[in-house]
């Protein structure tokens, strides 16, 4: 992943969704060897996500994730690890396999514009005087 200019717009392959999913993460640290840790996602996308994780990981490191809701396993690669608070870090990751539906949900196709709803569609044909009350 290349460095972006500070004025560029970040373009993702699929949109992110704020979703908390409990994960079991298996990996290996340089200092203490193998680890098994519980984590929770902060956001997810079709190609990966971001999680709050305690063990220290490095960019490019491979991890095994287990979705605690579905029991599904997949391998991922760390693309970012930033320390936050309480000894945890926000770890962004991408799946090694693009064909997996690890989150068991549908994501819009890349480049799809969000649906815009009009006020009339939300409230029906209610006159403006009734809406003001």
C-alpha atoms as a PDB file:
ATOM      1  CA  UNK A   1       0.000   0.000   0.000  1.00  0.00           C
ATOM      2  CA  UNK A   2       1.613   3.258  -1.107  1.00  0.00           C
ATOM      3  CA  UNK A   3       1.968   6.505   0.767  1.00  0.00           C
ATOM      4  CA  UNK A   4      -0.745   9.005  -0.001  1.00  0.00           C
ATOM      5  CA  UNK A   5      -0.474  12.745  -0.337  1.00  0.00           C
ATOM      6  CA  UNK A   6      -2.165  14.563   2.566  1.00  0.00           C
ATOM      7  CA  UNK A   7      -4.750  16.110   0.218  1.00  0.00           C
ATOM      8  CA  UNK A   8      -5.686  12.923  -1.598  1.00  0.00           C
ATOM      9  CA  UNK A   9      -8.937  11.115  -0.984  1.00  0.00           C
ATOM     10  CA  UNK A  10      -8.553   7.587   0.300  1.00  0.00           C
ATOM     11  CA  UNK A  11     -10.427   5.187  -1.945  1.00  0.00           C
ATOM     12  CA  UNK A  12     -11.363   1.808  -0.549  1.00  0.00           C
ATOM     13  CA  UNK A  13     -12.275  -1.316  -2.478  1.00  0.00           C
ATOM     14  CA  UNK A  14     -15.482  -1.582  -0.418  1.00  0.00           C
ATOM     15  CA  UNK A  15     -17.008   0.685   2.170  1.00  0.00           C
ATOM     16  CA  UNK A  16     -16.364   0.194   5.870  1.00  0.00           C
ATOM     17  CA  UNK A  17     -19.157  -0.585   8.296  1.00  0.00           C
ATOM     18  CA  UNK A  18     -18.917   0.164  12.030  1.00  0.00           C
ATOM     19  CA  UNK A  19     -19.565  -3.300  13.455  1.00  0.00           C
ATOM     20  CA  UNK A  20     -18.406  -5.002  16.656  1.00  0.00           C
ATOM     21  CA  UNK A  21     -17.579  -8.664  16.093  1.00  0.00           C
ATOM     22  CA  UNK A  22     -15.809 -10.777  18.698  1.00  0.00           C
ATOM     23  CA  UNK A  23     -12.710 -12.494  17.342  1.00  0.00           C
ATOM     24  CA  UNK A  24     -10.158 -15.000  18.584  1.00  0.00           C
ATOM     25  CA  UNK A  25      -6.765 -14.056  17.149  1.00  0.00           C
ATOM     26  CA  UNK A  26      -3.821 -16.464  16.838  1.00  0.00           C
ATOM     27  CA  UNK A  27      -0.390 -15.125  15.994  1.00  0.00           C
ATOM     28  CA  UNK A  28       3.212 -14.841  17.039  1.00  0.00           C
ATOM     29  CA  UNK A  29       5.109 -11.941  18.617  1.00  0.00           C
ATOM     30  CA  UNK A  30       8.825 -11.404  18.232  1.00  0.00           C
ATOM     31  CA  UNK A  31       9.361 -11.091  21.991  1.00  0.00           C
ATOM     32  CA  UNK A  32       7.076 -13.687  23.612  1.00  0.00           C
ATOM     33  CA  UNK A  33       6.328 -16.242  20.895  1.00  0.00           C
ATOM     34  CA  UNK A  34       2.876 -17.564  20.040  1.00  0.00           C
ATOM     35  CA  UNK A  35      -0.245 -15.882  21.379  1.00  0.00           C
ATOM     36  CA  UNK A  36      -3.988 -16.413  21.461  1.00  0.00           C
ATOM     37  CA  UNK A  37      -6.012 -13.271  22.232  1.00  0.00           C
ATOM     38  CA  UNK A  38      -9.583 -12.075  22.200  1.00  0.00           C
ATOM     39  CA  UNK A  39     -10.276  -8.982  20.117  1.00  0.00           C
ATOM     40  CA  UNK A  40     -13.246  -6.953  18.935  1.00  0.00           C
ATOM     41  CA  UNK A  41     -13.622  -5.269  15.566  1.00  0.00           C
ATOM     42  CA  UNK A  42     -14.174  -1.519  15.313  1.00  0.00           C
ATOM     43  CA  UNK A  43     -15.105  -1.578  11.632  1.00  0.00           C
ATOM     44  CA  UNK A  44     -15.268  -4.169   8.869  1.00  0.00           C
ATOM     45  CA  UNK A  45     -15.237  -4.304   5.080  1.00  0.00           C
ATOM     46  CA  UNK A  46     -15.454  -7.082   2.544  1.00  0.00           C
ATOM     47  CA  UNK A  47     -11.651  -7.254   2.358  1.00  0.00           C
ATOM     48  CA  UNK A  48     -10.753  -6.945   6.049  1.00  0.00           C
ATOM     49  CA  UNK A  49     -11.303  -4.660   8.999  1.00  0.00           C
ATOM     50  CA  UNK A  50      -9.900  -2.942  12.058  1.00  0.00           C
ATOM     51  CA  UNK A  51      -9.764  -4.411  15.548  1.00  0.00           C
ATOM     52  CA  UNK A  52      -8.636  -3.444  19.030  1.00  0.00           C
ATOM     53  CA  UNK A  53      -5.877  -5.933  19.949  1.00  0.00           C
ATOM     54  CA  UNK A  54      -3.574  -6.177  22.968  1.00  0.00           C
ATOM     55  CA  UNK A  55      -0.584  -8.246  21.727  1.00  0.00           C
ATOM     56  CA  UNK A  56       1.972  -6.299  19.729  1.00  0.00           C
ATOM     57  CA  UNK A  57       1.943  -7.087  15.998  1.00  0.00           C
ATOM     58  CA  UNK A  58       3.885  -5.685  13.056  1.00  0.00           C
ATOM     59  CA  UNK A  59       2.903  -4.652   9.541  1.00  0.00           C
ATOM     60  CA  UNK A  60       2.990  -7.607   7.157  1.00  0.00           C
ATOM     61  CA  UNK A  61       2.511 -10.166   9.929  1.00  0.00           C
ATOM     62  CA  UNK A  62       0.038 -12.985   9.274  1.00  0.00           C
ATOM     63  CA  UNK A  63      -2.678 -13.752  11.818  1.00  0.00           C
ATOM     64  CA  UNK A  64      -5.373 -16.429  12.064  1.00  0.00           C
ATOM     65  CA  UNK A  65      -8.822 -15.022  12.900  1.00  0.00           C
ATOM     66  CA  UNK A  66     -11.802 -16.948  14.226  1.00  0.00           C
ATOM     67  CA  UNK A  67     -15.200 -15.265  14.042  1.00  0.00           C
ATOM     68  CA  UNK A  68     -16.719 -16.103  17.444  1.00  0.00           C
ATOM     69  CA  UNK A  69     -20.263 -15.703  16.048  1.00  0.00           C
ATOM     70  CA  UNK A  70     -19.943 -18.099  13.111  1.00  0.00           C
ATOM     71  CA  UNK A  71     -16.894 -20.169  14.063  1.00  0.00           C
ATOM     72  CA  UNK A  72     -15.372 -19.426  10.637  1.00  0.00           C
ATOM     73  CA  UNK A  73     -11.563 -19.191  10.376  1.00  0.00           C
ATOM     74  CA  UNK A  74      -9.440 -17.188   7.962  1.00  0.00           C
ATOM     75  CA  UNK A  75      -5.910 -15.919   7.579  1.00  0.00           C
ATOM     76  CA  UNK A  76      -5.179 -12.193   7.338  1.00  0.00           C
ATOM     77  CA  UNK A  77      -2.251  -9.800   7.041  1.00  0.00           C
ATOM     78  CA  UNK A  78      -1.655  -6.762   9.270  1.00  0.00           C
ATOM     79  CA  UNK A  79      -1.586  -3.530   7.230  1.00  0.00           C
ATOM     80  CA  UNK A  80      -1.494  -1.021  10.110  1.00  0.00           C
ATOM     81  CA  UNK A  81      -0.938  -1.134  13.879  1.00  0.00           C
ATOM     82  CA  UNK A  82      -1.325   2.063  15.909  1.00  0.00           C
ATOM     83  CA  UNK A  83      -1.120   2.222  19.715  1.00  0.00           C
ATOM     84  CA  UNK A  84      -4.179   3.752  21.392  1.00  0.00           C
ATOM     85  CA  UNK A  85      -4.819   3.331  25.130  1.00  0.00           C
ATOM     86  CA  UNK A  86      -4.863   0.719  27.875  1.00  0.00           C
ATOM     87  CA  UNK A  87      -1.994  -1.150  26.206  1.00  0.00           C
ATOM     88  CA  UNK A  88      -4.113  -1.924  23.152  1.00  0.00           C
ATOM     89  CA  UNK A  89      -3.629  -0.930  19.535  1.00  0.00           C
ATOM     90  CA  UNK A  90      -5.885  -0.464  16.553  1.00  0.00           C
ATOM     91  CA  UNK A  91      -4.850  -3.106  14.055  1.00  0.00           C
ATOM     92  CA  UNK A  92      -6.059  -2.864  10.448  1.00  0.00           C
ATOM     93  CA  UNK A  93      -5.947  -6.109   8.497  1.00  0.00           C
ATOM     94  CA  UNK A  94      -6.797  -7.529   5.094  1.00  0.00           C
ATOM     95  CA  UNK A  95      -7.866 -11.072   4.290  1.00  0.00           C
ATOM     96  CA  UNK A  96      -5.451 -13.304   2.390  1.00  0.00           C
ATOM     97  CA  UNK A  97      -8.361 -14.753   0.363  1.00  0.00           C
ATOM     98  CA  UNK A  98     -10.680 -12.391  -1.520  1.00  0.00           C
ATOM     99  CA  UNK A  99     -13.438 -14.988  -1.985  1.00  0.00           C
ATOM    100  CA  UNK A 100     -14.320 -15.306   1.694  1.00  0.00           C
ATOM    101  CA  UNK A 101     -17.482 -13.843   3.257  1.00  0.00           C
ATOM    102  CA  UNK A 102     -16.061 -13.800   6.790  1.00  0.00           C
ATOM    103  CA  UNK A 103     -18.562 -11.271   8.178  1.00  0.00           C
ATOM    104  CA  UNK A 104     -21.614 -13.027   6.671  1.00  0.00           C
ATOM    105  CA  UNK A 105     -22.933  -9.812   5.143  1.00  0.00           C
ATOM    106  CA  UNK A 106     -23.239  -8.141   1.757  1.00  0.00           C
ATOM    107  CA  UNK A 107     -21.152  -5.048   0.898  1.00  0.00           C
ATOM    108  CA  UNK A 108     -21.936  -2.660  -1.974  1.00  0.00           C
ATOM    109  CA  UNK A 109     -19.852  -2.886  -5.141  1.00  0.00           C
ATOM    110  CA  UNK A 110     -16.876  -0.515  -5.241  1.00  0.00           C
ATOM    111  CA  UNK A 111     -17.826   2.933  -6.531  1.00  0.00           C
ATOM    112  CA  UNK A 112     -21.498   2.592  -5.614  1.00  0.00           C
ATOM    113  CA  UNK A 113     -22.968   5.868  -4.445  1.00  0.00           C
ATOM    114  CA  UNK A 114     -24.952   5.833  -1.198  1.00  0.00           C
ATOM    115  CA  UNK A 115     -28.733   5.891  -1.488  1.00  0.00           C
ATOM    116  CA  UNK A 116     -30.130   9.359  -0.919  1.00  0.00           C
ATOM    117  CA  UNK A 117     -33.589   9.514   0.542  1.00  0.00           C
ATOM    118  CA  UNK A 118     -35.809  12.516   0.114  1.00  0.00           C
ATOM    119  CA  UNK A 119     -37.830  13.996   2.950  1.00  0.00           C
ATOM    120  CA  UNK A 120     -41.024  13.007   1.155  1.00  0.00           C
ATOM    121  CA  UNK A 121     -39.848   9.385   0.936  1.00  0.00           C
ATOM    122  CA  UNK A 122     -39.111   9.355   4.665  1.00  0.00           C
ATOM    123  CA  UNK A 123     -42.336  11.000   5.843  1.00  0.00           C
ATOM    124  CA  UNK A 124     -44.693  10.112   3.011  1.00  0.00           C
ATOM    125  CA  UNK A 125     -47.044  12.819   1.792  1.00  0.00           C
ATOM    126  CA  UNK A 126     -47.493  14.474   5.206  1.00  0.00           C
ATOM    127  CA  UNK A 127     -48.146  18.199   4.851  1.00  0.00           C
ATOM    128  CA  UNK A 128     -45.377  20.454   6.158  1.00  0.00           C
ATOM    129  CA  UNK A 129     -47.694  21.950   8.787  1.00  0.00           C
ATOM    130  CA  UNK A 130     -48.122  18.527  10.466  1.00  0.00           C
ATOM    131  CA  UNK A 131     -44.373  17.890  10.423  1.00  0.00           C
ATOM    132  CA  UNK A 132     -43.673  21.146  12.294  1.00  0.00           C
ATOM    133  CA  UNK A 133     -45.854  20.155  15.282  1.00  0.00           C
END
